[in-house]
Amino acid sequence: FDYPDMEQNLTLILNEITSLRAHPDGSNIFRMDDPELMKFPVAYLSEPGYWYPTDSEALALRTYIAKGGFLIIDDFHFEEEWAVFEAAMRKVLPDGRIERLDRSHPVFNSFCSIKSLEVPYPGRLGERGLMGEFYGIHEGNDPSKRLMVVINYNMDIGDYMEHSGQGLYAVDPTNEAYKFGVNYFIYG
């Protein structure tokens, strides 16, 4: 789940290079129907290929997103995981249309300029050619409106950030993962 190292590493970077007031000394882990979630503009959901929201969680997350919350979805790569994620997302946003994002989307240029979306999945799968795919759901299914949900498929930016101090993965994709993370938080 990349917790707590990913959050701590990302918040240290956010504090160093942005004016966001991130808190690296603690994390907030909520159920999607916890009212406390409404206090935070950005939420991160890891491993959605195993996500089965209750009716209460789906309604609360729909409300969170409708009130301006930004949802980052990360860390899944099997077709079966996509099917589970998509069913869960349909429960949350029944009318939401999942569309592929291209590099020109503002979320990829909100702080760092991301030059390419060709980022390998961490580890052996990436070494074998599995590359990240980036999708989103826009308000009113209108790409000119606010991106409400960003979806990292065939990608795990959290894993890159979690292990960045250990040299487990190559430097270039690790740096790119931080750029995605920073941009997502700035955008959100």
Protein backbone atom coordinates (compact mmCIF):
# COMPACT_ATOMS: atom_id res chain seq x y z
CA PHE A 1 0.00 0.00 0.00
CA ASP A 2 3.05 2.30 -0.06
CA TYR A 3 2.06 3.65 3.37
CA PRO A 4 3.59 5.50 5.20
CA ASP A 5 6.85 5.98 3.26
CA MET A 6 5.22 7.24 0.06
CA GLU A 7 3.21 9.90 1.87
CA GLN A 8 6.19 11.03 3.92
CA ASN A 9 8.51 11.20 0.92
CA LEU A 10 5.99 13.06 -1.23
CA THR A 11 5.11 15.55 1.49
CA LEU A 12 8.80 16.32 2.04
CA ILE A 13 9.12 17.10 -1.69
CA LEU A 14 5.91 19.17 -1.66
CA ASN A 15 7.23 21.19 1.29
CA GLU A 16 10.59 21.75 -0.40
CA ILE A 17 9.44 22.91 -3.83
CA THR A 18 5.89 24.25 -3.40
CA SER A 19 4.03 26.58 -1.08
CA LEU A 20 1.66 23.80 0.01
CA ARG A 21 1.70 23.16 3.73
CA ALA A 22 2.01 19.38 3.73
CA HIS A 23 2.50 17.51 7.00
CA PRO A 24 5.17 14.80 6.62
CA ASP A 25 4.89 13.68 10.24
CA GLY A 26 1.50 12.07 9.91
CA SER A 27 -1.03 10.60 7.53
CA ASN A 28 -4.77 10.56 7.31
CA ILE A 29 -6.37 7.30 6.30
CA PHE A 30 -10.12 7.44 5.94
CA ARG A 31 -12.96 5.29 4.78
CA MET A 32 -14.61 6.99 1.86
CA ASP A 33 -17.68 7.68 3.99
CA ASP A 34 -15.76 9.27 6.88
CA PRO A 35 -16.93 12.91 7.19
CA GLU A 36 -13.33 13.93 7.94
CA LEU A 37 -12.43 13.29 4.29
CA MET A 38 -14.36 16.46 3.39
CA LYS A 39 -11.63 18.52 5.10
CA PHE A 40 -9.06 17.58 2.45
CA PRO A 41 -9.03 18.70 -1.20
CA VAL A 42 -7.13 15.64 -2.48
CA ALA A 43 -7.64 11.93 -1.81
CA TYR A 44 -5.40 9.06 -2.92
CA LEU A 45 -6.81 5.58 -3.55
CA SER A 46 -4.31 2.77 -3.95
CA GLU A 47 -4.92 -0.69 -5.42
CA PRO A 48 -8.42 -0.08 -6.81
CA GLY A 49 -8.39 -3.51 -8.39
CA TYR A 50 -9.55 -4.76 -4.99
CA TRP A 51 -11.98 -1.93 -4.24
CA TYR A 52 -15.59 -2.81 -3.46
CA PRO A 53 -17.19 0.35 -2.03
CA THR A 54 -20.33 0.03 0.03
CA ASP A 55 -23.36 2.09 -0.98
CA SER A 56 -22.51 4.52 1.83
CA GLU A 57 -18.90 4.86 0.66
CA ALA A 58 -19.93 5.34 -2.97
CA LEU A 59 -22.42 8.06 -2.06
CA ALA A 60 -19.94 9.84 0.21
CA LEU A 61 -17.19 9.73 -2.41
CA ARG A 62 -19.61 11.02 -5.05
CA THR A 63 -20.47 13.90 -2.69
CA TYR A 64 -16.77 14.57 -1.98
CA ILE A 65 -15.99 14.78 -5.70
CA ALA A 66 -19.08 16.91 -6.43
CA LYS A 67 -18.00 19.39 -3.75
CA GLY A 68 -14.63 19.85 -5.44
CA GLY A 69 -12.57 16.96 -4.08
CA PHE A 70 -9.91 15.55 -6.40
CA LEU A 71 -9.34 11.79 -6.43
CA ILE A 72 -6.03 10.18 -7.45
CA ILE A 73 -6.29 6.48 -8.32
CA ASP A 74 -3.05 4.53 -8.52
CA ASP A 75 -1.46 1.10 -8.51
CA PHE A 76 -3.21 -1.43 -10.70
CA HIS A 77 -2.38 -3.19 -13.91
CA PHE A 78 -4.29 -6.41 -14.60
CA GLU A 79 -7.41 -6.53 -16.78
CA GLU A 80 -9.29 -8.13 -13.88
CA GLU A 81 -8.23 -5.23 -11.66
CA TRP A 82 -9.48 -2.74 -14.25
CA ALA A 83 -12.86 -4.52 -14.32
CA VAL A 84 -13.18 -4.33 -10.52
CA PHE A 85 -12.09 -0.67 -10.52
CA GLU A 86 -14.47 0.27 -13.33
CA ALA A 87 -17.43 -1.39 -11.58
CA ALA A 88 -16.59 0.47 -8.36
CA MET A 89 -16.18 3.77 -10.21
CA ARG A 90 -19.55 3.26 -11.94
CA LYS A 91 -21.07 2.88 -8.49
CA VAL A 92 -19.47 6.18 -7.41
CA LEU A 93 -20.01 8.17 -10.63
CA PRO A 94 -22.63 6.30 -12.67
CA ASP A 95 -22.53 8.84 -15.50
CA GLY A 96 -18.79 9.47 -15.37
CA ARG A 97 -16.93 8.79 -18.60
CA ILE A 98 -13.39 7.49 -18.25
CA GLU A 99 -11.23 9.00 -20.98
CA ARG A 100 -7.56 8.72 -21.82
CA LEU A 101 -5.58 11.85 -21.02
CA ASP A 102 -2.80 13.15 -23.20
CA ARG A 103 0.32 15.01 -22.18
CA SER A 104 -1.19 18.41 -22.97
CA HIS A 105 -3.79 18.08 -20.19
CA PRO A 106 -3.33 20.78 -17.51
CA VAL A 107 -2.90 18.14 -14.77
CA PHE A 108 0.43 17.21 -16.37
CA ASN A 109 1.59 20.81 -16.48
CA SER A 110 0.24 22.30 -13.25
CA PHE A 111 3.69 22.64 -11.62
CA CYS A 112 6.23 20.42 -13.35
CA SER A 113 6.14 20.09 -17.09
CA ILE A 114 5.84 16.39 -17.80
CA LYS A 115 7.54 15.78 -21.12
CA SER A 116 6.28 12.24 -21.74
CA LEU A 117 3.64 9.86 -20.44
CA GLU A 118 5.90 6.96 -21.40
CA VAL A 119 6.76 5.88 -17.86
CA PRO A 120 7.35 2.20 -17.11
CA TYR A 121 5.54 0.36 -14.36
CA PRO A 122 7.99 -0.14 -11.46
CA GLY A 123 10.15 -3.25 -11.43
CA ARG A 124 10.08 -6.28 -13.68
CA LEU A 125 6.79 -5.47 -15.41
CA GLY A 126 8.18 -2.12 -16.52
CA GLU A 127 11.44 -3.72 -17.57
CA ARG A 128 9.36 -6.03 -19.76
CA GLY A 129 7.65 -3.06 -21.41
CA LEU A 130 4.52 -2.35 -19.34
CA MET A 131 4.00 1.41 -19.64
CA GLY A 132 1.70 3.66 -17.68
CA GLU A 133 -1.62 4.80 -19.07
CA PHE A 134 -3.36 7.86 -17.72
CA TYR A 135 -7.11 8.41 -17.67
CA GLY A 136 -9.51 10.85 -16.13
CA ILE A 137 -13.10 11.73 -15.42
CA HIS A 138 -14.09 15.33 -16.00
CA GLU A 139 -16.94 17.28 -14.49
CA GLY A 140 -19.99 16.87 -16.72
CA ASN A 141 -17.87 14.59 -18.96
CA ASP A 142 -16.57 17.80 -20.52
CA PRO A 143 -12.77 17.84 -21.03
CA SER A 144 -12.81 21.63 -20.85
CA LYS A 145 -14.08 21.43 -17.26
CA ARG A 146 -12.42 20.33 -14.03
CA LEU A 147 -10.70 16.96 -13.89
CA MET A 148 -12.33 15.25 -10.90
CA VAL A 149 -10.51 11.91 -10.98
CA VAL A 150 -7.09 11.02 -12.37
CA ILE A 151 -6.39 7.34 -12.97
CA ASN A 152 -2.92 5.83 -13.22
CA TYR A 153 -3.38 2.47 -14.93
CA ASN A 154 -0.43 0.16 -15.56
CA MET A 155 1.33 2.44 -13.15
CA ASP A 156 2.26 2.71 -9.49
CA ILE A 157 3.70 6.15 -8.81
CA GLY A 158 3.27 5.42 -5.10
CA ASP A 159 5.73 2.53 -5.27
CA TYR A 160 8.31 4.68 -7.00
CA MET A 161 7.98 7.32 -4.28
CA GLU A 162 7.90 4.78 -1.47
CA HIS A 163 11.24 3.27 -2.47
CA SER A 164 12.95 6.39 -3.83
CA GLY A 165 15.54 6.53 -1.05
CA GLN A 166 16.53 2.89 -1.45
CA GLY A 167 17.61 2.88 -5.09
CA LEU A 168 15.20 0.04 -5.86
CA TYR A 169 14.07 1.61 -9.15
CA ALA A 170 15.80 3.67 -11.82
CA VAL A 171 16.25 7.37 -11.09
CA ASP A 172 14.47 8.76 -14.18
CA PRO A 173 11.07 7.06 -13.71
CA THR A 174 11.29 7.71 -9.96
CA ASN A 175 11.76 11.41 -10.64
CA GLU A 176 8.86 11.32 -13.08
CA ALA A 177 6.64 9.72 -10.43
CA TYR A 178 7.37 12.63 -8.11
CA LYS A 179 6.49 15.06 -10.90
CA PHE A 180 3.14 13.32 -11.35
CA GLY A 181 2.51 13.37 -7.59
CA VAL A 182 3.40 17.04 -7.21
CA ASN A 183 1.29 18.01 -10.22
CA TYR A 184 -1.69 16.03 -8.95
CA PHE A 185 -1.59 17.79 -5.58
CA ILE A 186 -1.12 21.24 -7.10
CA TYR A 187 -3.95 20.59 -9.56
CA GLY A 188 -6.21 19.23 -6.81
